[in-house]
């Protein structure tokens, strides 16, 4: 599919656009809102992925791209491997893991309660 996502297949959708004439004087159907046919296009991005050891250029919708980036940040294996991965993503991933480990190892401090005078 030329105008579709490589992963989910999201592509062209046909629909109608409505324009409303509010507050127009005159008859009930004189300035009726016209409905014209239009095409809704998916938000596709061209990028390179690695498939069978080779870089292949594909179109991917931004929802799928967001899912890939989120999986990479969480340390999970994404459904596609991107060819041009920023080093920042891997660095952020390592930093977040170290920070999470530090939070787990840190013990909460004991709070001192004031002594009652008797």
PDB file of N, CA and C in Angstrom:
ATOM      1  N   UNK A   1       0.841  -1.178   0.000  1.00  0.00           N
ATOM      2  CA  UNK A   1       0.000   0.000   0.000  1.00  0.00           C
ATOM      3  C   UNK A   1       0.885   1.241   0.000  1.00  0.00           C
ATOM      4  N   UNK A   2       0.740   2.100  -0.983  1.00  0.00           N
ATOM      5  CA  UNK A   2       1.591   3.274  -1.120  1.00  0.00           C
ATOM      6  C   UNK A   2       1.300   4.289  -0.022  1.00  0.00           C
ATOM      7  N   UNK A   3       0.030   4.567   0.210  1.00  0.00           N
ATOM      8  CA  UNK A   3      -0.334   5.581   1.190  1.00  0.00           C
ATOM      9  C   UNK A   3      -0.810   4.934   2.481  1.00  0.00           C
ATOM     10  N   UNK A   4      -0.042   3.981   2.970  1.00  0.00           N
ATOM     11  CA  UNK A   4      -0.434   3.294   4.189  1.00  0.00           C
ATOM     12  C   UNK A   4       0.750   3.004   5.079  1.00  0.00           C
ATOM     13  N   UNK A   5       0.455   2.754   6.337  1.00  0.00           N
ATOM     14  CA  UNK A   5       1.478   2.420   7.320  1.00  0.00           C
ATOM     15  C   UNK A   5       2.007   1.016   7.048  1.00  0.00           C
ATOM     16  N   UNK A   6       3.304   0.837   7.209  1.00  0.00           N
ATOM     17  CA  UNK A   6       3.956  -0.451   6.979  1.00  0.00           C
ATOM     18  C   UNK A   6       3.506  -1.486   8.007  1.00  0.00           C
ATOM     19  N   UNK A   7       3.268  -1.051   9.224  1.00  0.00           N
ATOM     20  CA  UNK A   7       2.944  -1.991  10.305  1.00  0.00           C
ATOM     21  C   UNK A   7       1.437  -2.218  10.460  1.00  0.00           C
ATOM     22  N   UNK A   8       0.665  -1.147  10.619  1.00  0.00           N
ATOM     23  CA  UNK A   8      -0.762  -1.314  10.932  1.00  0.00           C
ATOM     24  C   UNK A   8      -1.669  -1.159   9.716  1.00  0.00           C
ATOM     25  N   UNK A   9      -1.155  -0.630   8.604  1.00  0.00           N
ATOM     26  CA  UNK A   9      -1.953  -0.501   7.389  1.00  0.00           C
ATOM     27  C   UNK A   9      -2.852   0.715   7.354  1.00  0.00           C
ATOM     28  N   UNK A  10      -2.705   1.616   8.316  1.00  0.00           N
ATOM     29  CA  UNK A  10      -3.531   2.822   8.344  1.00  0.00           C
ATOM     30  C   UNK A  10      -3.247   3.644   7.094  1.00  0.00           C
ATOM     31  N   UNK A  11      -4.287   4.094   6.408  1.00  0.00           N
ATOM     32  CA  UNK A  11      -4.081   4.810   5.154  1.00  0.00           C
ATOM     33  C   UNK A  11      -5.145   5.854   4.901  1.00  0.00           C
ATOM     34  N   UNK A  12      -5.644   5.892   3.670  1.00  0.00           N
ATOM     35  CA  UNK A  12      -6.634   6.880   3.279  1.00  0.00           C
ATOM     36  C   UNK A  12      -8.022   6.496   3.774  1.00  0.00           C
ATOM     37  N   UNK A  13      -8.776   7.511   4.202  1.00  0.00           N
ATOM     38  CA  UNK A  13     -10.173   7.329   4.592  1.00  0.00           C
ATOM     39  C   UNK A  13     -11.002   8.367   3.859  1.00  0.00           C
ATOM     40  N   UNK A  14     -12.140   7.958   3.361  1.00  0.00           N
ATOM     41  CA  UNK A  14     -13.036   8.877   2.681  1.00  0.00           C
ATOM     42  C   UNK A  14     -14.134   9.303   3.645  1.00  0.00           C
ATOM     43  N   UNK A  15     -14.481  10.580   3.591  1.00  0.00           N
ATOM     44  CA  UNK A  15     -15.521  11.091   4.475  1.00  0.00           C
ATOM     45  C   UNK A  15     -16.082  12.393   3.942  1.00  0.00           C
ATOM     46  N   UNK A  16     -16.781  13.103   4.809  1.00  0.00           N
ATOM     47  CA  UNK A  16     -17.391  14.372   4.418  1.00  0.00           C
ATOM     48  C   UNK A  16     -16.956  15.460   5.382  1.00  0.00           C
ATOM     49  N   UNK A  17     -16.798  16.660   4.851  1.00  0.00           N
ATOM     50  CA  UNK A  17     -16.513  17.809   5.701  1.00  0.00           C
ATOM     51  C   UNK A  17     -17.763  18.680   5.743  1.00  0.00           C
ATOM     52  N   UNK A  18     -18.076  19.189   6.921  1.00  0.00           N
ATOM     53  CA  UNK A  18     -19.271  20.001   7.117  1.00  0.00           C
ATOM     54  C   UNK A  18     -18.853  21.423   7.434  1.00  0.00           C
ATOM     55  N   UNK A  19     -19.472  22.390   6.765  1.00  0.00           N
ATOM     56  CA  UNK A  19     -19.295  23.795   7.118  1.00  0.00           C
ATOM     57  C   UNK A  19     -20.645  24.304   7.585  1.00  0.00           C
ATOM     58  N   UNK A  20     -20.640  25.032   8.678  1.00  0.00           N
ATOM     59  CA  UNK A  20     -21.902  25.477   9.271  1.00  0.00           C
ATOM     60  C   UNK A  20     -22.065  26.981   9.117  1.00  0.00           C
ATOM     61  N   UNK A  21     -23.238  27.388   8.718  1.00  0.00           N
ATOM     62  CA  UNK A  21     -23.595  28.805   8.621  1.00  0.00           C
ATOM     63  C   UNK A  21     -24.511  29.100   9.794  1.00  0.00           C
ATOM     64  N   UNK A  22     -23.971  29.611  10.861  1.00  0.00           N
ATOM     65  CA  UNK A  22     -24.772  29.871  12.052  1.00  0.00           C
ATOM     66  C   UNK A  22     -25.294  31.303  12.029  1.00  0.00           C
ATOM     67  N   UNK A  23     -26.475  31.451  12.503  1.00  0.00           N
ATOM     68  CA  UNK A  23     -27.059  32.783  12.651  1.00  0.00           C
ATOM     69  C   UNK A  23     -27.353  33.487  11.346  1.00  0.00           C
ATOM     70  N   UNK A  24     -27.662  32.751  10.291  1.00  0.00           N
ATOM     71  CA  UNK A  24     -27.950  33.370   8.998  1.00  0.00           C
ATOM     72  C   UNK A  24     -29.448  33.613   8.909  1.00  0.00           C
ATOM     73  N   UNK A  25     -29.805  34.820   8.545  1.00  0.00           N
ATOM     74  CA  UNK A  25     -31.224  35.144   8.395  1.00  0.00           C
ATOM     75  C   UNK A  25     -31.755  34.502   7.121  1.00  0.00           C
ATOM     76  N   UNK A  26     -33.020  34.202   7.115  1.00  0.00           N
ATOM     77  CA  UNK A  26     -33.620  33.618   5.918  1.00  0.00           C
ATOM     78  C   UNK A  26     -34.336  32.329   6.236  1.00  0.00           C
ATOM     79  N   UNK A  27     -34.678  31.620   5.195  1.00  0.00           N
ATOM     80  CA  UNK A  27     -35.443  30.388   5.349  1.00  0.00           C
ATOM     81  C   UNK A  27     -34.650  29.278   6.011  1.00  0.00           C
ATOM     82  N   UNK A  28     -35.372  28.253   6.341  1.00  0.00           N
ATOM     83  CA  UNK A  28     -34.775  27.146   7.069  1.00  0.00           C
ATOM     84  C   UNK A  28     -33.711  26.432   6.239  1.00  0.00           C
ATOM     85  N   UNK A  29     -33.921  26.248   4.965  1.00  0.00           N
ATOM     86  CA  UNK A  29     -33.002  25.508   4.109  1.00  0.00           C
ATOM     87  C   UNK A  29     -32.216  26.409   3.155  1.00  0.00           C
ATOM     88  N   UNK A  30     -32.341  27.722   3.351  1.00  0.00           N
ATOM     89  CA  UNK A  30     -31.688  28.644   2.417  1.00  0.00           C
ATOM     90  C   UNK A  30     -30.157  28.511   2.476  1.00  0.00           C
ATOM     91  N   UNK A  31     -29.608  28.527   3.673  1.00  0.00           N
ATOM     92  CA  UNK A  31     -28.147  28.452   3.849  1.00  0.00           C
ATOM     93  C   UNK A  31     -27.787  27.162   4.588  1.00  0.00           C
ATOM     94  N   UNK A  32     -28.288  26.064   4.113  1.00  0.00           N
ATOM     95  CA  UNK A  32     -28.038  24.777   4.746  1.00  0.00           C
ATOM     96  C   UNK A  32     -26.543  24.441   4.672  1.00  0.00           C
ATOM     97  N   UNK A  33     -26.036  23.774   5.712  1.00  0.00           N
ATOM     98  CA  UNK A  33     -24.607  23.446   5.762  1.00  0.00           C
ATOM     99  C   UNK A  33     -24.263  22.453   4.658  1.00  0.00           C
ATOM    100  N   UNK A  34     -23.409  22.848   3.698  1.00  0.00           N
ATOM    101  CA  UNK A  34     -23.043  21.918   2.627  1.00  0.00           C
ATOM    102  C   UNK A  34     -22.085  20.839   3.136  1.00  0.00           C
ATOM    103  N   UNK A  35     -22.232  19.641   2.608  1.00  0.00           N
ATOM    104  CA  UNK A  35     -21.375  18.517   2.972  1.00  0.00           C
ATOM    105  C   UNK A  35     -20.619  18.093   1.716  1.00  0.00           C
ATOM    106  N   UNK A  36     -19.319  18.276   1.744  1.00  0.00           N
ATOM    107  CA  UNK A  36     -18.509  17.939   0.576  1.00  0.00           C
ATOM    108  C   UNK A  36     -17.640  16.729   0.891  1.00  0.00           C
ATOM    109  N   UNK A  37     -17.396  15.921  -0.127  1.00  0.00           N
ATOM    110  CA  UNK A  37     -16.562  14.734   0.032  1.00  0.00           C
ATOM    111  C   UNK A  37     -15.093  15.149   0.152  1.00  0.00           C
ATOM    112  N   UNK A  38     -14.349  14.456   0.993  1.00  0.00           N
ATOM    113  CA  UNK A  38     -12.920  14.728   1.122  1.00  0.00           C
ATOM    114  C   UNK A  38     -12.185  13.458   1.525  1.00  0.00           C
ATOM    115  N   UNK A  39     -10.856  13.526   1.483  1.00  0.00           N
ATOM    116  CA  UNK A  39     -10.003  12.390   1.834  1.00  0.00           C
ATOM    117  C   UNK A  39      -9.227  12.748   3.103  1.00  0.00           C
ATOM    118  N   UNK A  40      -9.281  11.869   4.089  1.00  0.00           N
ATOM    119  CA  UNK A  40      -8.501  12.025   5.308  1.00  0.00           C
ATOM    120  C   UNK A  40      -7.250  11.159   5.162  1.00  0.00           C
ATOM    121  N   UNK A  41      -6.071  11.786   5.301  1.00  0.00           N
ATOM    122  CA  UNK A  41      -4.810  11.066   5.135  1.00  0.00           C
ATOM    123  C   UNK A  41      -4.177  10.785   6.496  1.00  0.00           C
ATOM    124  N   UNK A  42      -3.554   9.642   6.611  1.00  0.00           N
ATOM    125  CA  UNK A  42      -2.851   9.275   7.845  1.00  0.00           C
ATOM    126  C   UNK A  42      -1.566  10.086   7.952  1.00  0.00           C
ATOM    127  N   UNK A  43      -1.109  10.304   9.180  1.00  0.00           N
ATOM    128  CA  UNK A  43       0.120  11.048   9.432  1.00  0.00           C
ATOM    129  C   UNK A  43       1.295  10.077   9.297  1.00  0.00           C
ATOM    130  N   UNK A  44       1.842   9.987   8.075  1.00  0.00           N
ATOM    131  CA  UNK A  44       2.904   9.023   7.780  1.00  0.00           C
ATOM    132  C   UNK A  44       4.269   9.698   7.748  1.00  0.00           C
ATOM    133  N   UNK A  45       5.278   8.970   8.233  1.00  0.00           N
ATOM    134  CA  UNK A  45       6.653   9.456   8.266  1.00  0.00           C
ATOM    135  C   UNK A  45       7.515   8.462   7.513  1.00  0.00           C
ATOM    136  N   UNK A  46       8.417   8.960   6.675  1.00  0.00           N
ATOM    137  CA  UNK A  46       9.360   8.084   5.975  1.00  0.00           C
ATOM    138  C   UNK A  46      10.578   7.894   6.855  1.00  0.00           C
ATOM    139  N   UNK A  47      10.956   6.635   7.046  1.00  0.00           N
ATOM    140  CA  UNK A  47      12.159   6.354   7.819  1.00  0.00           C
ATOM    141  C   UNK A  47      12.760   5.034   7.392  1.00  0.00           C
ATOM    142  N   UNK A  48      13.980   4.809   7.823  1.00  0.00           N
ATOM    143  CA  UNK A  48      14.709   3.594   7.464  1.00  0.00           C
ATOM    144  C   UNK A  48      14.653   2.596   8.611  1.00  0.00           C
ATOM    145  N   UNK A  49      14.419   1.336   8.254  1.00  0.00           N
ATOM    146  CA  UNK A  49      14.455   0.255   9.234  1.00  0.00           C
ATOM    147  C   UNK A  49      15.452  -0.791   8.755  1.00  0.00           C
ATOM    148  N   UNK A  50      15.857  -1.657   9.661  1.00  0.00           N
ATOM    149  CA  UNK A  50      16.749  -2.752   9.293  1.00  0.00           C
ATOM    150  C   UNK A  50      15.909  -4.013   9.190  1.00  0.00           C
ATOM    151  N   UNK A  51      15.906  -4.590   7.977  1.00  0.00           N
ATOM    152  CA  UNK A  51      15.137  -5.802   7.734  1.00  0.00           C
ATOM    153  C   UNK A  51      16.038  -6.803   7.019  1.00  0.00           C
ATOM    154  N   UNK A  52      16.248  -7.940   7.646  1.00  0.00           N
ATOM    155  CA  UNK A  52      17.119  -8.994   7.113  1.00  0.00           C
ATOM    156  C   UNK A  52      18.538  -8.486   6.853  1.00  0.00           C
ATOM    157  N   UNK A  53      19.022  -7.623   7.728  1.00  0.00           N
ATOM    158  CA  UNK A  53      20.383  -7.118   7.625  1.00  0.00           C
ATOM    159  C   UNK A  53      20.568  -5.950   6.677  1.00  0.00           C
ATOM    160  N   UNK A  54      19.522  -5.489   6.016  1.00  0.00           N
ATOM    161  CA  UNK A  54      19.623  -4.372   5.072  1.00  0.00           C
ATOM    162  C   UNK A  54      18.713  -3.233   5.514  1.00  0.00           C
ATOM    163  N   UNK A  55      19.117  -2.013   5.169  1.00  0.00           N
ATOM    164  CA  UNK A  55      18.300  -0.839   5.471  1.00  0.00           C
ATOM    165  C   UNK A  55      17.227  -0.687   4.398  1.00  0.00           C
ATOM    166  N   UNK A  56      15.986  -0.591   4.827  1.00  0.00           N
ATOM    167  CA  UNK A  56      14.848  -0.457   3.920  1.00  0.00           C
ATOM    168  C   UNK A  56      14.090   0.804   4.305  1.00  0.00           C
ATOM    169  N   UNK A  57      13.716   1.596   3.301  1.00  0.00           N
ATOM    170  CA  UNK A  57      12.964   2.825   3.551  1.00  0.00           C
ATOM    171  C   UNK A  57      11.472   2.517   3.491  1.00  0.00           C
ATOM    172  N   UNK A  58      10.752   2.878   4.555  1.00  0.00           N
ATOM    173  CA  UNK A  58       9.318   2.595   4.634  1.00  0.00           C
ATOM    174  C   UNK A  58       8.561   3.832   5.105  1.00  0.00           C
ATOM    175  N   UNK A  59       7.232   3.733   5.061  1.00  0.00           N
ATOM    176  CA  UNK A  59       6.366   4.752   5.643  1.00  0.00           C
ATOM    177  C   UNK A  59       5.704   4.148   6.867  1.00  0.00           C
ATOM    178  N   UNK A  60       5.749   4.888   7.966  1.00  0.00           N
ATOM    179  CA  UNK A  60       5.203   4.412   9.224  1.00  0.00           C
ATOM    180  C   UNK A  60       4.357   5.526   9.821  1.00  0.00           C
ATOM    181  N   UNK A  61       3.183   5.180  10.356  1.00  0.00           N
ATOM    182  CA  UNK A  61       2.344   6.211  10.973  1.00  0.00           C
ATOM    183  C   UNK A  61       2.981   6.628  12.298  1.00  0.00           C
ATOM    184  N   UNK A  62       2.675   7.836  12.731  1.00  0.00           N
ATOM    185  CA  UNK A  62       3.310   8.375  13.930  1.00  0.00           C
ATOM    186  C   UNK A  62       2.893   7.621  15.187  1.00  0.00           C
ATOM    187  N   UNK A  63       1.726   6.997  15.179  1.00  0.00           N
ATOM    188  CA  UNK A  63       1.296   6.202  16.335  1.00  0.00           C
ATOM    189  C   UNK A  63       2.210   4.987  16.512  1.00  0.00           C
ATOM    190  N   UNK A  64       2.539   4.306  15.411  1.00  0.00           N
ATOM    191  CA  UNK A  64       3.441   3.150  15.480  1.00  0.00           C
ATOM    192  C   UNK A  64       4.859   3.588  15.844  1.00  0.00           C
ATOM    193  N   UNK A  65       5.296   4.733  15.323  1.00  0.00           N
ATOM    194  CA  UNK A  65       6.624   5.257  15.639  1.00  0.00           C
ATOM    195  C   UNK A  65       6.727   5.584  17.127  1.00  0.00           C
ATOM    196  N   UNK A  66       5.662   6.144  17.674  1.00  0.00           N
ATOM    197  CA  UNK A  66       5.619   6.459  19.100  1.00  0.00           C
ATOM    198  C   UNK A  66       5.729   5.183  19.932  1.00  0.00           C
ATOM    199  N   UNK A  67       5.065   4.124  19.485  1.00  0.00           N
ATOM    200  CA  UNK A  67       5.102   2.837  20.183  1.00  0.00           C
ATOM    201  C   UNK A  67       6.528   2.264  20.182  1.00  0.00           C
ATOM    202  N   UNK A  68       7.219   2.376  19.036  1.00  0.00           N
ATOM    203  CA  UNK A  68       8.599   1.881  18.930  1.00  0.00           C
ATOM    204  C   UNK A  68       9.506   2.639  19.898  1.00  0.00           C
ATOM    205  N   UNK A  69       9.402   3.968  19.903  1.00  0.00           N
ATOM    206  CA  UNK A  69      10.258   4.780  20.769  1.00  0.00           C
ATOM    207  C   UNK A  69       9.978   4.504  22.242  1.00  0.00           C
ATOM    208  N   UNK A  70       8.714   4.314  22.576  1.00  0.00           N
ATOM    209  CA  UNK A  70       8.357   4.022  23.971  1.00  0.00           C
ATOM    210  C   UNK A  70       8.911   2.667  24.394  1.00  0.00           C
ATOM    211  N   UNK A  71       8.819   1.677  23.508  1.00  0.00           N
ATOM    212  CA  UNK A  71       9.369   0.355  23.816  1.00  0.00           C
ATOM    213  C   UNK A  71      10.883   0.428  24.024  1.00  0.00           C
ATOM    214  N   UNK A  72      11.561   1.229  23.210  1.00  0.00           N
ATOM    215  CA  UNK A  72      13.010   1.373  23.338  1.00  0.00           C
ATOM    216  C   UNK A  72      13.372   2.033  24.668  1.00  0.00           C
ATOM    217  N   UNK A  73      12.586   3.032  25.075  1.00  0.00           N
ATOM    218  CA  UNK A  73      12.858   3.724  26.331  1.00  0.00           C
ATOM    219  C   UNK A  73      12.615   2.806  27.533  1.00  0.00           C
ATOM    220  N   UNK A  74      11.619   1.924  27.424  1.00  0.00           N
ATOM    221  CA  UNK A  74      11.292   1.009  28.518  1.00  0.00           C
ATOM    222  C   UNK A  74      12.213  -0.206  28.554  1.00  0.00           C
ATOM    223  N   UNK A  75      13.033  -0.384  27.537  1.00  0.00           N
ATOM    224  CA  UNK A  75      13.953  -1.512  27.496  1.00  0.00           C
ATOM    225  C   UNK A  75      13.365  -2.756  26.865  1.00  0.00           C
ATOM    226  N   UNK A  76      12.184  -2.639  26.268  1.00  0.00           N
ATOM    227  CA  UNK A  76      11.558  -3.779  25.597  1.00  0.00           C
ATOM    228  C   UNK A  76      12.038  -3.848  24.156  1.00  0.00           C
ATOM    229  N   UNK A  77      11.850  -4.988  23.522  1.00  0.00           N
ATOM    230  CA  UNK A  77      12.230  -5.135  22.124  1.00  0.00           C
ATOM    231  C   UNK A  77      11.082  -4.621  21.249  1.00  0.00           C
ATOM    232  N   UNK A  78      11.326  -3.587  20.410  1.00  0.00           N
ATOM    233  CA  UNK A  78      10.260  -3.076  19.539  1.00  0.00           C
ATOM    234  C   UNK A  78       9.976  -4.030  18.381  1.00  0.00           C
ATOM    235  N   UNK A  79       8.813  -3.860  17.750  1.00  0.00           N
ATOM    236  CA  UNK A  79       8.436  -4.740  16.645  1.00  0.00           C
ATOM    237  C   UNK A  79       9.223  -4.454  15.377  1.00  0.00           C
ATOM    238  N   UNK A  80       9.874  -3.288  15.258  1.00  0.00           N
ATOM    239  CA  UNK A  80      10.758  -2.953  14.138  1.00  0.00           C
ATOM    240  C   UNK A  80      12.039  -2.361  14.701  1.00  0.00           C
ATOM    241  N   UNK A  81      13.159  -2.585  14.027  1.00  0.00           N
ATOM    242  CA  UNK A  81      14.409  -1.964  14.447  1.00  0.00           C
ATOM    243  C   UNK A  81      14.716  -0.813  13.510  1.00  0.00           C
ATOM    244  N   UNK A  82      14.859   0.368  14.079  1.00  0.00           N
ATOM    245  CA  UNK A  82      15.144   1.564  13.296  1.00  0.00           C
ATOM    246  C   UNK A  82      16.618   1.587  12.909  1.00  0.00           C
ATOM    247  N   UNK A  83      16.900   2.102  11.700  1.00  0.00           N
ATOM    248  CA  UNK A  83      18.281   2.143  11.218  1.00  0.00           C
ATOM    249  C   UNK A  83      19.049   3.293  11.853  1.00  0.00           C
ATOM    250  N   UNK A  84      18.438   4.454  11.963  1.00  0.00           N
ATOM    251  CA  UNK A  84      19.111   5.632  12.500  1.00  0.00           C
ATOM    252  C   UNK A  84      18.580   5.916  13.899  1.00  0.00           C
ATOM    253  N   UNK A  85      19.084   5.197  14.877  1.00  0.00           N
ATOM    254  CA  UNK A  85      18.647   5.389  16.254  1.00  0.00           C
ATOM    255  C   UNK A  85      19.562   6.402  16.913  1.00  0.00           C
ATOM    256  N   UNK A  86      18.965   7.374  17.589  1.00  0.00           N
ATOM    257  CA  UNK A  86      19.768   8.364  18.286  1.00  0.00           C
ATOM    258  C   UNK A  86      20.411   7.723  19.510  1.00  0.00           C
ATOM    259  N   UNK A  87      21.639   8.111  19.787  1.00  0.00           N
ATOM    260  CA  UNK A  87      22.351   7.562  20.936  1.00  0.00           C
ATOM    261  C   UNK A  87      21.708   8.016  22.240  1.00  0.00           C
ATOM    262  N   UNK A  88      20.995   9.155  22.187  1.00  0.00           N
ATOM    263  CA  UNK A  88      20.354   9.691  23.383  1.00  0.00           C
ATOM    264  C   UNK A  88      19.331   8.710  23.937  1.00  0.00           C
ATOM    265  N   UNK A  89      18.613   8.020  23.040  1.00  0.00           N
ATOM    266  CA  UNK A  89      17.575   7.096  23.494  1.00  0.00           C
ATOM    267  C   UNK A  89      18.170   5.990  24.345  1.00  0.00           C
ATOM    268  N   UNK A  90      19.263   5.416  23.879  1.00  0.00           N
ATOM    269  CA  UNK A  90      19.898   4.341  24.633  1.00  0.00           C
ATOM    270  C   UNK A  90      20.498   4.875  25.933  1.00  0.00           C
ATOM    271  N   UNK A  91      21.064   6.093  25.875  1.00  0.00           N
ATOM    272  CA  UNK A  91      21.654   6.687  27.066  1.00  0.00           C
ATOM    273  C   UNK A  91      20.571   6.981  28.102  1.00  0.00           C
ATOM    274  N   UNK A  92      19.441   7.519  27.664  1.00  0.00           N
ATOM    275  CA  UNK A  92      18.347   7.809  28.593  1.00  0.00           C
ATOM    276  C   UNK A  92      17.836   6.522  29.212  1.00  0.00           C
ATOM    277  N   UNK A  93      17.775   5.488  28.426  1.00  0.00           N
ATOM    278  CA  UNK A  93      17.297   4.196  28.908  1.00  0.00           C
ATOM    279  C   UNK A  93      18.193   3.693  30.040  1.00  0.00           C
ATOM    280  N   UNK A  94      19.513   3.794  29.857  1.00  0.00           N
ATOM    281  CA  UNK A  94      20.446   3.335  30.880  1.00  0.00           C
ATOM    282  C   UNK A  94      20.332   4.192  32.141  1.00  0.00           C
ATOM    283  N   UNK A  95      20.192   5.528  31.957  1.00  0.00           N
ATOM    284  CA  UNK A  95      20.087   6.430  33.102  1.00  0.00           C
ATOM    285  C   UNK A  95      18.837   6.136  33.920  1.00  0.00           C
ATOM    286  N   UNK A  96      17.725   5.895  33.253  1.00  0.00           N
ATOM    287  CA  UNK A  96      16.487   5.629  33.982  1.00  0.00           C
ATOM    288  C   UNK A  96      16.578   4.318  34.749  1.00  0.00           C
ATOM    289  N   UNK A  97      17.224   3.303  34.173  1.00  0.00           N
ATOM    290  CA  UNK A  97      17.383   2.030  34.879  1.00  0.00           C
ATOM    291  C   UNK A  97      18.239   2.209  36.126  1.00  0.00           C
ATOM    292  N   UNK A  98      19.327   2.985  36.019  1.00  0.00           N
ATOM    293  CA  UNK A  98      20.199   3.225  37.162  1.00  0.00           C
ATOM    294  C   UNK A  98      19.438   3.986  38.241  1.00  0.00           C
ATOM    295  N   UNK A  99      18.654   4.986  37.834  1.00  0.00           N
ATOM    296  CA  UNK A  99      17.887   5.775  38.795  1.00  0.00           C
ATOM    297  C   UNK A  99      16.832   4.918  39.498  1.00  0.00           C
ATOM    298  N   UNK A 100      16.175   4.034  38.760  1.00  0.00           N
ATOM    299  CA  UNK A 100      15.169   3.153  39.361  1.00  0.00           C
ATOM    300  C   UNK A 100      15.811   2.187  40.348  1.00  0.00           C
ATOM    301  N   UNK A 101      16.983   1.653  40.002  1.00  0.00           N
ATOM    302  CA  UNK A 101      17.685   0.742  40.899  1.00  0.00           C
ATOM    303  C   UNK A 101      18.094   1.459  42.189  1.00  0.00           C
ATOM    304  N   UNK A 102      18.520   2.714  42.059  1.00  0.00           N
ATOM    305  CA  UNK A 102      18.925   3.489  43.229  1.00  0.00           C
ATOM    306  C   UNK A 102      17.729   3.745  44.146  1.00  0.00           C
ATOM    307  N   UNK A 103      16.562   3.986  43.578  1.00  0.00           N
ATOM    308  CA  UNK A 103      15.358   4.224  44.383  1.00  0.00           C
ATOM    309  C   UNK A 103      14.963   2.968  45.140  1.00  0.00           C
ATOM    310  N   UNK A 104      15.110   1.829  44.497  1.00  0.00           N
ATOM    311  CA  UNK A 104      14.743   0.568  45.139  1.00  0.00           C
ATOM    312  C   UNK A 104      15.693   0.257  46.294  1.00  0.00           C
ATOM    313  N   UNK A 105      16.987   0.498  46.094  1.00  0.00           N
ATOM    314  CA  UNK A 105      17.984   0.180  47.114  1.00  0.00           C
ATOM    315  C   UNK A 105      17.940   1.152  48.289  1.00  0.00           C
ATOM    316  N   UNK A 106      17.538   2.407  48.046  1.00  0.00           N
ATOM    317  CA  UNK A 106      17.518   3.409  49.107  1.00  0.00           C
ATOM    318  C   UNK A 106      16.428   3.069  50.119  1.00  0.00           C
ATOM    319  N   UNK A 107      16.820   3.066  51.397  1.00  0.00           N
ATOM    320  CA  UNK A 107      15.860   2.770  52.456  1.00  0.00           C
ATOM    321  C   UNK A 107      15.264   4.083  52.961  1.00  0.00           C
ATOM    322  N   UNK A 108      13.989   4.058  53.343  1.00  0.00           N
ATOM    323  CA  UNK A 108      13.394   5.293  53.866  1.00  0.00           C
ATOM    324  C   UNK A 108      14.006   5.652  55.224  1.00  0.00           C
ATOM    325  N   UNK A 109      14.176   6.937  55.479  1.00  0.00           N
ATOM    326  CA  UNK A 109      14.765   7.406  56.725  1.00  0.00           C
ATOM    327  C   UNK A 109      13.729   7.329  57.843  1.00  0.00           C
ATOM    328  N   UNK A 110      14.221   7.030  59.037  1.00  0.00           N
ATOM    329  CA  UNK A 110      13.333   6.987  60.190  1.00  0.00           C
ATOM    330  C   UNK A 110      13.111   8.406  60.693  1.00  0.00           C
ATOM    331  N   UNK A 111      11.862   8.689  61.000  1.00  0.00           N
ATOM    332  CA  UNK A 111      11.518  10.011  61.501  1.00  0.00           C
ATOM    333  C   UNK A 111      11.504   9.955  63.021  1.00  0.00           C
ATOM    334  N   UNK A 112      12.204  10.895  63.635  1.00  0.00           N
ATOM    335  CA  UNK A 112      12.252  10.923  65.092  1.00  0.00           C
ATOM    336  C   UNK A 112      10.987  11.574  65.627  1.00  0.00           C
ATOM    337  N   UNK A 113      10.408  10.941  66.615  1.00  0.00           N
ATOM    338  CA  UNK A 113       9.214  11.502  67.248  1.00  0.00           C
ATOM    339  C   UNK A 113       9.649  12.259  68.495  1.00  0.00           C
ATOM    340  N   UNK A 114       9.034  13.405  68.756  1.00  0.00           N
ATOM    341  CA  UNK A 114       9.424  14.177  69.949  1.00  0.00           C
ATOM    342  C   UNK A 114       9.015  13.439  71.236  1.00  0.00           C
ATOM    343  N   UNK A 115       9.875  13.542  72.240  1.00  0.00           N
ATOM    344  CA  UNK A 115       9.597  12.882  73.517  1.00  0.00           C
ATOM    345  C   UNK A 115       8.619  13.721  74.326  1.00  0.00           C
ATOM    346  N   UNK A 116       7.737  13.033  75.019  1.00  0.00           N
ATOM    347  CA  UNK A 116       6.753  13.720  75.859  1.00  0.00           C
ATOM    348  C   UNK A 116       7.395  14.037  77.209  1.00  0.00           C
ATOM    349  N   UNK A 117       7.124  15.246  77.661  1.00  0.00           N
ATOM    350  CA  UNK A 117       7.625  15.647  78.977  1.00  0.00           C
ATOM    351  C   UNK A 117       6.607  15.218  80.024  1.00  0.00           C
ATOM    352  N   UNK A 118       7.076  14.597  81.083  1.00  0.00           N
ATOM    353  CA  UNK A 118       6.143  14.201  82.131  1.00  0.00           C
ATOM    354  C   UNK A 118       6.587  14.664  83.494  1.00  0.00           C
TER     355      UNK A 118
END
